[in-house]
């Protein structure tokens, strides 16, 4: 029987900005490219490529490309839910599901990211529970840095090895 503790995790981050700014950073291709991805292509149900500042919608499909990797490293998935203001849900690596819940609390904007349905893997170098938690922690820290006026912390060079490779 699988240990359920390894199939789901939750990470919380706080931001000194408004909910709308964080939502736009998650819910538009241009927003995602500022802190997370090299290229974020979202396609409407009819197959039309969404514009960079256009909000993604439920049932959109996506192709994501990462800095530090060539175009053969692509994550394809689908937007499962988007309420238009503070909640997104999408498919992710290994058939897992990521939920991003954005709330205003304590004078801050709080992002609660949950990844669930993570497949079991005994090899830590391939374990999505471990690797995705490391990745999301870094990218949420990068979002905080970028949105609060700091540097973009991503390695954008193919010729420089990254810890995430």
N, C-alpha and C. Protein backbone atom coordinates (compact mmCIF):
# COMPACT_ATOMS: atom_id res chain seq x y z
N UNK A 1 0.84 -1.19 0.00
CA UNK A 1 0.00 0.00 0.00
C UNK A 1 0.88 1.25 0.00
N UNK A 2 0.57 2.20 -0.84
CA UNK A 2 1.36 3.42 -0.98
C UNK A 2 1.18 4.31 0.25
N UNK A 3 2.25 4.99 0.62
CA UNK A 3 2.22 5.94 1.73
C UNK A 3 1.66 7.25 1.20
N UNK A 4 0.47 7.62 1.63
CA UNK A 4 -0.22 8.82 1.13
C UNK A 4 0.53 10.12 1.43
N UNK A 5 1.43 10.09 2.43
CA UNK A 5 2.17 11.32 2.76
C UNK A 5 3.07 11.77 1.62
N UNK A 6 3.39 10.88 0.69
CA UNK A 6 4.28 11.20 -0.42
C UNK A 6 3.52 11.54 -1.69
N UNK A 7 2.21 11.64 -1.62
CA UNK A 7 1.41 11.92 -2.82
C UNK A 7 0.90 13.35 -2.88
N UNK A 8 1.19 14.15 -1.85
CA UNK A 8 0.65 15.51 -1.80
C UNK A 8 1.53 16.38 -0.90
N UNK A 9 1.74 17.63 -1.31
CA UNK A 9 2.39 18.60 -0.44
C UNK A 9 1.76 19.97 -0.63
N UNK A 10 2.00 20.83 0.36
CA UNK A 10 1.49 22.19 0.32
C UNK A 10 2.61 23.14 0.71
N UNK A 11 2.78 24.21 -0.05
CA UNK A 11 3.77 25.24 0.22
C UNK A 11 3.05 26.58 0.29
N UNK A 12 3.43 27.41 1.26
CA UNK A 12 2.82 28.72 1.41
C UNK A 12 3.90 29.79 1.31
N UNK A 13 3.58 30.88 0.61
CA UNK A 13 4.51 32.00 0.49
C UNK A 13 3.73 33.30 0.67
N UNK A 14 4.39 34.30 1.23
CA UNK A 14 3.74 35.60 1.43
C UNK A 14 4.39 36.66 0.54
N UNK A 15 3.58 37.63 0.13
CA UNK A 15 4.02 38.66 -0.80
C UNK A 15 3.51 40.02 -0.34
N UNK A 16 4.35 41.02 -0.46
CA UNK A 16 3.98 42.39 -0.12
C UNK A 16 3.46 43.08 -1.37
N UNK A 17 2.31 42.62 -1.85
CA UNK A 17 1.64 43.19 -3.02
C UNK A 17 0.18 42.78 -2.96
N UNK A 18 -0.60 43.21 -3.92
CA UNK A 18 -2.03 42.90 -3.92
C UNK A 18 -2.32 41.55 -4.59
N UNK A 19 -3.49 41.02 -4.30
CA UNK A 19 -3.92 39.72 -4.85
C UNK A 19 -3.93 39.76 -6.37
N UNK A 20 -4.41 40.85 -6.95
CA UNK A 20 -4.52 40.93 -8.41
C UNK A 20 -3.16 40.80 -9.09
N UNK A 21 -2.14 41.44 -8.55
CA UNK A 21 -0.80 41.35 -9.15
C UNK A 21 -0.27 39.92 -9.14
N UNK A 22 -0.49 39.21 -8.03
CA UNK A 22 -0.05 37.82 -7.96
C UNK A 22 -0.87 36.97 -8.94
N UNK A 23 -2.18 37.20 -8.97
CA UNK A 23 -3.03 36.44 -9.89
C UNK A 23 -2.57 36.63 -11.34
N UNK A 24 -2.29 37.86 -11.74
CA UNK A 24 -1.83 38.13 -13.11
C UNK A 24 -0.49 37.45 -13.38
N UNK A 25 0.34 37.29 -12.36
CA UNK A 25 1.62 36.60 -12.52
C UNK A 25 1.45 35.12 -12.79
N UNK A 26 0.34 34.55 -12.36
CA UNK A 26 0.03 33.14 -12.58
C UNK A 26 -0.88 32.91 -13.77
N UNK A 27 -1.73 33.87 -14.10
CA UNK A 27 -2.85 33.62 -15.02
C UNK A 27 -2.70 34.23 -16.40
N UNK A 28 -1.51 34.73 -16.74
CA UNK A 28 -1.24 35.21 -18.09
C UNK A 28 0.10 34.64 -18.56
N UNK A 29 0.26 34.38 -19.85
CA UNK A 29 1.55 33.91 -20.34
C UNK A 29 2.69 34.88 -19.99
N UNK A 30 2.47 36.18 -20.19
CA UNK A 30 3.51 37.16 -19.89
C UNK A 30 3.85 37.17 -18.40
N UNK A 31 2.84 37.02 -17.56
CA UNK A 31 3.07 36.98 -16.12
C UNK A 31 3.95 35.80 -15.73
N UNK A 32 3.67 34.62 -16.25
CA UNK A 32 4.46 33.43 -15.95
C UNK A 32 5.90 33.54 -16.45
N UNK A 33 6.08 34.22 -17.58
CA UNK A 33 7.42 34.35 -18.16
C UNK A 33 8.29 35.33 -17.38
N UNK A 34 7.70 36.16 -16.54
CA UNK A 34 8.49 37.12 -15.75
C UNK A 34 9.24 36.45 -14.60
N UNK A 35 8.75 35.31 -14.13
CA UNK A 35 9.35 34.70 -12.94
C UNK A 35 9.50 33.18 -12.99
N UNK A 36 8.83 32.52 -13.92
CA UNK A 36 8.74 31.06 -13.88
C UNK A 36 9.27 30.40 -15.15
N UNK A 37 8.78 30.78 -16.30
CA UNK A 37 9.05 30.07 -17.54
C UNK A 37 9.77 30.92 -18.57
N UNK A 38 10.50 30.25 -19.45
CA UNK A 38 11.09 30.94 -20.61
C UNK A 38 10.00 31.29 -21.60
N UNK A 39 9.07 30.35 -21.79
CA UNK A 39 7.98 30.56 -22.74
C UNK A 39 6.75 29.80 -22.23
N UNK A 40 5.62 30.50 -22.21
CA UNK A 40 4.36 29.89 -21.76
C UNK A 40 3.33 30.05 -22.87
N UNK A 41 3.06 28.97 -23.58
CA UNK A 41 2.04 28.98 -24.63
C UNK A 41 0.76 28.37 -24.09
N UNK A 42 -0.32 29.13 -24.17
CA UNK A 42 -1.64 28.63 -23.78
C UNK A 42 -2.53 28.66 -25.00
N UNK A 43 -3.33 27.62 -25.14
CA UNK A 43 -4.20 27.49 -26.30
C UNK A 43 -5.65 27.38 -25.84
N UNK A 44 -6.51 28.22 -26.44
CA UNK A 44 -7.94 28.15 -26.18
C UNK A 44 -8.49 26.84 -26.73
N UNK A 45 -9.70 26.50 -26.36
CA UNK A 45 -10.32 25.24 -26.80
C UNK A 45 -10.25 25.09 -28.32
N UNK A 46 -10.43 26.18 -29.04
CA UNK A 46 -10.40 26.12 -30.51
C UNK A 46 -8.98 26.02 -31.07
N UNK A 47 -7.97 26.01 -30.21
CA UNK A 47 -6.59 25.88 -30.66
C UNK A 47 -5.88 27.20 -30.90
N UNK A 48 -6.55 28.31 -30.62
CA UNK A 48 -5.95 29.63 -30.81
C UNK A 48 -4.94 29.90 -29.69
N UNK A 49 -3.74 30.37 -30.08
CA UNK A 49 -2.71 30.74 -29.12
C UNK A 49 -3.13 32.02 -28.41
N UNK A 50 -3.14 31.99 -27.08
CA UNK A 50 -3.52 33.19 -26.32
C UNK A 50 -2.41 34.24 -26.41
N UNK A 51 -2.81 35.50 -26.39
CA UNK A 51 -1.87 36.62 -26.41
C UNK A 51 -1.12 36.67 -25.07
N UNK A 52 0.07 37.29 -25.04
CA UNK A 52 0.87 37.31 -23.81
C UNK A 52 0.14 37.87 -22.58
N UNK A 53 -0.66 38.91 -22.74
CA UNK A 53 -1.35 39.51 -21.60
C UNK A 53 -2.80 39.05 -21.45
N UNK A 54 -3.19 38.05 -22.23
CA UNK A 54 -4.55 37.52 -22.17
C UNK A 54 -4.66 36.50 -21.03
N UNK A 55 -5.75 36.57 -20.29
CA UNK A 55 -5.94 35.64 -19.18
C UNK A 55 -6.27 34.24 -19.68
N UNK A 56 -5.67 33.27 -19.03
CA UNK A 56 -5.94 31.88 -19.37
C UNK A 56 -7.34 31.51 -18.86
N UNK A 57 -7.90 30.46 -19.44
CA UNK A 57 -9.25 30.02 -19.09
C UNK A 57 -9.26 28.53 -18.77
N UNK A 58 -10.28 28.12 -18.05
CA UNK A 58 -10.50 26.70 -17.78
C UNK A 58 -10.58 25.97 -19.12
N UNK A 59 -9.96 24.82 -19.18
CA UNK A 59 -9.88 23.94 -20.34
C UNK A 59 -8.83 24.36 -21.37
N UNK A 60 -8.15 25.49 -21.17
CA UNK A 60 -7.00 25.79 -22.03
C UNK A 60 -5.98 24.67 -21.87
N UNK A 61 -5.21 24.44 -22.92
CA UNK A 61 -4.06 23.55 -22.82
C UNK A 61 -2.81 24.42 -22.85
N UNK A 62 -1.71 23.87 -22.38
CA UNK A 62 -0.48 24.66 -22.36
C UNK A 62 0.72 23.84 -22.76
N UNK A 63 1.75 24.56 -23.23
CA UNK A 63 3.10 24.04 -23.44
C UNK A 63 4.04 25.02 -22.76
N UNK A 64 4.80 24.52 -21.80
CA UNK A 64 5.71 25.36 -21.03
C UNK A 64 7.15 24.98 -21.35
N UNK A 65 7.99 26.00 -21.50
CA UNK A 65 9.41 25.83 -21.81
C UNK A 65 10.23 26.53 -20.74
N UNK A 66 11.32 25.89 -20.32
CA UNK A 66 12.10 26.34 -19.18
C UNK A 66 13.41 26.99 -19.61
N UNK A 67 13.83 27.98 -18.84
CA UNK A 67 15.19 28.51 -18.99
C UNK A 67 16.17 27.40 -18.62
N UNK A 68 17.31 27.39 -19.29
CA UNK A 68 18.33 26.39 -19.00
C UNK A 68 18.13 25.09 -19.75
N UNK A 69 17.07 24.99 -20.53
CA UNK A 69 16.78 23.79 -21.31
C UNK A 69 16.42 24.20 -22.73
N UNK A 70 16.66 23.31 -23.69
CA UNK A 70 16.24 23.60 -25.06
C UNK A 70 14.75 23.24 -25.21
N UNK A 71 14.23 23.41 -26.41
CA UNK A 71 12.79 23.22 -26.65
C UNK A 71 12.33 21.77 -26.58
N UNK A 72 13.25 20.81 -26.42
CA UNK A 72 12.81 19.43 -26.27
C UNK A 72 12.31 19.16 -24.85
N UNK A 73 12.65 20.03 -23.91
CA UNK A 73 12.15 19.92 -22.53
C UNK A 73 10.89 20.77 -22.43
N UNK A 74 9.74 20.13 -22.53
CA UNK A 74 8.47 20.85 -22.53
C UNK A 74 7.50 20.15 -21.59
N UNK A 75 6.74 20.93 -20.87
CA UNK A 75 5.67 20.42 -20.00
C UNK A 75 4.35 20.77 -20.66
N UNK A 76 3.57 19.75 -21.01
CA UNK A 76 2.26 19.96 -21.61
C UNK A 76 1.19 19.62 -20.58
N UNK A 77 0.15 20.43 -20.54
CA UNK A 77 -0.91 20.17 -19.58
C UNK A 77 -2.17 20.94 -19.91
N UNK A 78 -3.06 20.99 -18.92
CA UNK A 78 -4.36 21.63 -19.11
C UNK A 78 -4.75 22.40 -17.86
N UNK A 79 -5.42 23.53 -18.09
CA UNK A 79 -5.99 24.31 -16.99
C UNK A 79 -7.31 23.63 -16.60
N UNK A 80 -7.41 23.21 -15.35
CA UNK A 80 -8.59 22.51 -14.87
C UNK A 80 -9.61 23.46 -14.25
N UNK A 81 -9.11 24.56 -13.69
CA UNK A 81 -9.99 25.51 -13.03
C UNK A 81 -9.33 26.88 -13.01
N UNK A 82 -10.14 27.92 -13.15
CA UNK A 82 -9.68 29.30 -13.04
C UNK A 82 -10.90 30.14 -12.71
N UNK A 83 -10.93 30.70 -11.51
CA UNK A 83 -12.11 31.48 -11.12
C UNK A 83 -12.01 32.96 -11.51
N UNK A 84 -10.91 33.35 -12.16
CA UNK A 84 -10.78 34.72 -12.65
C UNK A 84 -10.29 35.73 -11.64
N UNK A 85 -9.98 35.27 -10.41
CA UNK A 85 -9.53 36.25 -9.42
C UNK A 85 -8.46 35.74 -8.46
N UNK A 86 -8.57 34.50 -7.99
CA UNK A 86 -7.63 34.07 -6.96
C UNK A 86 -7.42 32.56 -6.84
N UNK A 87 -7.88 31.80 -7.82
CA UNK A 87 -7.71 30.35 -7.76
C UNK A 87 -7.47 29.77 -9.14
N UNK A 88 -6.40 28.96 -9.23
CA UNK A 88 -6.06 28.25 -10.47
C UNK A 88 -5.77 26.80 -10.12
N UNK A 89 -6.10 25.91 -11.05
CA UNK A 89 -5.77 24.50 -10.90
C UNK A 89 -5.37 23.98 -12.28
N UNK A 90 -4.26 23.22 -12.33
CA UNK A 90 -3.79 22.70 -13.61
C UNK A 90 -3.10 21.36 -13.43
N UNK A 91 -3.06 20.59 -14.53
CA UNK A 91 -2.31 19.34 -14.51
C UNK A 91 -0.83 19.68 -14.56
N UNK A 92 -0.01 18.74 -14.05
CA UNK A 92 1.43 18.97 -14.02
C UNK A 92 2.15 17.63 -14.14
N UNK A 93 3.42 17.63 -13.91
CA UNK A 93 4.29 16.46 -14.10
C UNK A 93 3.71 15.18 -13.53
N UNK A 94 3.85 14.11 -14.30
CA UNK A 94 3.47 12.79 -13.83
C UNK A 94 1.99 12.59 -13.56
N UNK A 95 1.15 13.43 -14.13
CA UNK A 95 -0.28 13.32 -13.90
C UNK A 95 -0.74 13.96 -12.60
N UNK A 96 0.14 14.71 -11.95
CA UNK A 96 -0.24 15.38 -10.71
C UNK A 96 -1.08 16.62 -11.02
N UNK A 97 -1.67 17.18 -9.98
CA UNK A 97 -2.51 18.37 -10.10
C UNK A 97 -1.99 19.43 -9.14
N UNK A 98 -1.85 20.65 -9.64
CA UNK A 98 -1.40 21.78 -8.83
C UNK A 98 -2.55 22.76 -8.68
N UNK A 99 -2.79 23.18 -7.44
CA UNK A 99 -3.78 24.21 -7.13
C UNK A 99 -3.05 25.40 -6.54
N UNK A 100 -3.34 26.59 -7.05
CA UNK A 100 -2.77 27.83 -6.55
C UNK A 100 -3.92 28.66 -6.00
N UNK A 101 -3.91 28.87 -4.69
CA UNK A 101 -4.94 29.63 -4.00
C UNK A 101 -4.30 30.92 -3.48
N UNK A 102 -4.81 32.06 -3.90
CA UNK A 102 -4.23 33.37 -3.57
C UNK A 102 -5.22 34.11 -2.67
N UNK A 103 -4.77 34.51 -1.48
CA UNK A 103 -5.66 35.18 -0.53
C UNK A 103 -4.96 36.36 0.12
N UNK A 104 -5.76 37.30 0.58
CA UNK A 104 -5.25 38.43 1.35
C UNK A 104 -5.45 38.12 2.84
N UNK A 105 -4.33 38.06 3.58
CA UNK A 105 -4.37 37.79 5.02
C UNK A 105 -3.26 38.56 5.70
N UNK A 106 -3.55 39.05 6.89
CA UNK A 106 -2.53 39.67 7.73
C UNK A 106 -1.82 40.84 7.05
N UNK A 107 -2.50 41.52 6.14
CA UNK A 107 -1.89 42.64 5.43
C UNK A 107 -0.95 42.21 4.32
N UNK A 108 -0.95 40.93 3.98
CA UNK A 108 -0.09 40.39 2.92
C UNK A 108 -0.95 39.61 1.94
N UNK A 109 -0.37 39.28 0.81
CA UNK A 109 -1.00 38.34 -0.11
C UNK A 109 -0.31 37.00 0.10
N UNK A 110 -1.12 35.98 0.35
CA UNK A 110 -0.62 34.64 0.63
C UNK A 110 -0.93 33.73 -0.55
N UNK A 111 0.09 33.02 -1.02
CA UNK A 111 -0.10 32.00 -2.05
C UNK A 111 0.06 30.64 -1.37
N UNK A 112 -0.97 29.82 -1.51
CA UNK A 112 -0.91 28.45 -1.02
C UNK A 112 -0.92 27.55 -2.25
N UNK A 113 0.19 26.86 -2.48
CA UNK A 113 0.33 25.97 -3.62
C UNK A 113 0.26 24.53 -3.12
N UNK A 114 -0.66 23.76 -3.69
CA UNK A 114 -0.81 22.35 -3.34
C UNK A 114 -0.58 21.52 -4.59
N UNK A 115 0.29 20.53 -4.48
CA UNK A 115 0.46 19.57 -5.57
C UNK A 115 0.03 18.21 -5.04
N UNK A 116 -0.88 17.55 -5.76
CA UNK A 116 -1.42 16.27 -5.31
C UNK A 116 -1.46 15.26 -6.46
N UNK A 117 -1.83 14.05 -6.13
CA UNK A 117 -1.83 12.94 -7.09
C UNK A 117 -0.42 12.67 -7.61
N UNK A 118 0.57 12.86 -6.76
CA UNK A 118 1.97 12.65 -7.15
C UNK A 118 2.23 11.15 -7.17
N UNK A 119 2.73 10.63 -8.30
CA UNK A 119 2.99 9.19 -8.37
C UNK A 119 4.15 8.78 -7.46
N UNK A 120 4.08 7.56 -6.96
CA UNK A 120 5.12 7.04 -6.08
C UNK A 120 6.38 6.74 -6.89
N UNK A 121 7.54 7.10 -6.33
CA UNK A 121 8.84 6.85 -6.96
C UNK A 121 9.87 6.73 -5.85
N UNK A 122 10.58 5.63 -5.79
CA UNK A 122 11.54 5.39 -4.71
C UNK A 122 12.87 6.11 -4.93
N UNK A 123 13.25 6.37 -6.17
CA UNK A 123 14.51 7.04 -6.48
C UNK A 123 14.35 8.54 -6.22
N UNK A 124 15.05 9.10 -5.20
CA UNK A 124 14.87 10.52 -4.88
C UNK A 124 15.18 11.47 -6.04
N UNK A 125 16.08 11.07 -6.95
CA UNK A 125 16.41 11.95 -8.07
C UNK A 125 15.28 12.03 -9.09
N UNK A 126 14.36 11.08 -9.04
CA UNK A 126 13.22 11.08 -9.95
C UNK A 126 11.90 11.33 -9.22
N UNK A 127 11.96 11.41 -7.90
CA UNK A 127 10.77 11.52 -7.08
C UNK A 127 10.14 12.91 -7.24
N UNK A 128 8.94 12.95 -7.79
CA UNK A 128 8.27 14.23 -8.03
C UNK A 128 7.90 14.95 -6.74
N UNK A 129 7.63 14.21 -5.67
CA UNK A 129 7.35 14.86 -4.39
C UNK A 129 8.54 15.71 -3.98
N UNK A 130 9.73 15.13 -4.05
CA UNK A 130 10.95 15.83 -3.66
C UNK A 130 11.31 16.91 -4.68
N UNK A 131 11.41 16.52 -5.94
CA UNK A 131 11.89 17.45 -6.97
C UNK A 131 10.93 18.62 -7.20
N UNK A 132 9.64 18.36 -7.22
CA UNK A 132 8.68 19.45 -7.43
C UNK A 132 8.63 20.38 -6.23
N UNK A 133 8.74 19.82 -5.02
CA UNK A 133 8.74 20.68 -3.84
C UNK A 133 9.96 21.61 -3.85
N UNK A 134 11.10 21.08 -4.23
CA UNK A 134 12.30 21.92 -4.36
C UNK A 134 12.07 22.99 -5.42
N UNK A 135 11.56 22.59 -6.58
CA UNK A 135 11.33 23.54 -7.67
C UNK A 135 10.34 24.62 -7.31
N UNK A 136 9.18 24.25 -6.75
CA UNK A 136 8.17 25.25 -6.40
C UNK A 136 8.68 26.21 -5.33
N UNK A 137 9.47 25.69 -4.38
CA UNK A 137 10.04 26.57 -3.35
C UNK A 137 10.92 27.63 -4.00
N UNK A 138 11.77 27.21 -4.92
CA UNK A 138 12.62 28.16 -5.63
C UNK A 138 11.79 29.16 -6.42
N UNK A 139 10.82 28.68 -7.20
CA UNK A 139 10.07 29.59 -8.07
C UNK A 139 9.17 30.54 -7.28
N UNK A 140 8.63 30.11 -6.14
CA UNK A 140 7.87 31.05 -5.31
C UNK A 140 8.80 32.11 -4.72
N UNK A 141 10.02 31.73 -4.34
CA UNK A 141 11.00 32.71 -3.87
C UNK A 141 11.36 33.67 -5.00
N UNK A 142 11.47 33.16 -6.23
CA UNK A 142 11.77 34.02 -7.36
C UNK A 142 10.61 34.97 -7.65
N UNK A 143 9.37 34.48 -7.56
CA UNK A 143 8.21 35.36 -7.74
C UNK A 143 8.25 36.48 -6.71
N UNK A 144 8.55 36.15 -5.47
CA UNK A 144 8.64 37.17 -4.42
C UNK A 144 9.72 38.20 -4.77
N UNK A 145 10.88 37.73 -5.20
CA UNK A 145 11.96 38.64 -5.57
C UNK A 145 11.56 39.54 -6.73
N UNK A 146 11.01 38.96 -7.77
CA UNK A 146 10.64 39.73 -8.97
C UNK A 146 9.53 40.73 -8.67
N UNK A 147 8.48 40.29 -7.98
CA UNK A 147 7.31 41.14 -7.80
C UNK A 147 7.55 42.23 -6.75
N UNK A 148 8.49 41.99 -5.85
CA UNK A 148 8.79 42.99 -4.83
C UNK A 148 9.99 43.85 -5.21
N UNK A 149 10.37 43.82 -6.50
CA UNK A 149 11.38 44.73 -7.01
C UNK A 149 12.80 44.23 -6.99
N UNK A 150 13.00 42.95 -6.76
CA UNK A 150 14.35 42.40 -6.73
C UNK A 150 14.77 41.80 -8.05
N UNK A 151 15.79 40.99 -7.98
CA UNK A 151 16.34 40.34 -9.17
C UNK A 151 15.57 39.09 -9.56
N UNK A 152 15.66 38.74 -10.83
CA UNK A 152 15.19 37.46 -11.34
C UNK A 152 16.31 36.46 -11.06
N UNK A 153 16.04 35.44 -10.27
CA UNK A 153 17.05 34.51 -9.80
C UNK A 153 17.30 33.32 -10.72
N UNK A 154 16.56 33.23 -11.81
CA UNK A 154 16.68 32.06 -12.69
C UNK A 154 17.99 32.06 -13.48
N UNK A 155 18.53 30.87 -13.69
CA UNK A 155 19.65 30.68 -14.61
C UNK A 155 19.06 30.64 -16.02
N UNK A 156 19.42 31.58 -16.85
CA UNK A 156 18.85 31.66 -18.20
C UNK A 156 19.82 31.18 -19.27
N UNK A 157 20.94 30.59 -18.86
CA UNK A 157 21.95 30.18 -19.83
C UNK A 157 21.98 28.67 -19.98
N UNK A 158 21.94 28.21 -21.22
CA UNK A 158 22.03 26.78 -21.50
C UNK A 158 23.41 26.20 -21.17
N UNK A 159 24.45 27.04 -21.25
CA UNK A 159 25.81 26.55 -21.06
C UNK A 159 26.24 26.50 -19.60
N UNK A 160 25.39 26.92 -18.68
CA UNK A 160 25.71 26.88 -17.26
C UNK A 160 24.82 25.83 -16.60
N UNK A 161 25.46 24.85 -15.98
CA UNK A 161 24.69 23.78 -15.33
C UNK A 161 23.87 24.34 -14.18
N UNK A 162 22.71 23.75 -13.97
CA UNK A 162 21.80 24.18 -12.92
C UNK A 162 21.57 23.03 -11.95
N UNK A 163 21.30 23.36 -10.70
CA UNK A 163 20.95 22.33 -9.71
C UNK A 163 19.65 21.64 -10.06
N UNK A 164 18.82 22.26 -10.88
CA UNK A 164 17.52 21.71 -11.21
C UNK A 164 17.57 20.79 -12.41
N UNK A 165 18.76 20.54 -12.97
CA UNK A 165 18.87 19.66 -14.14
C UNK A 165 19.14 18.25 -13.71
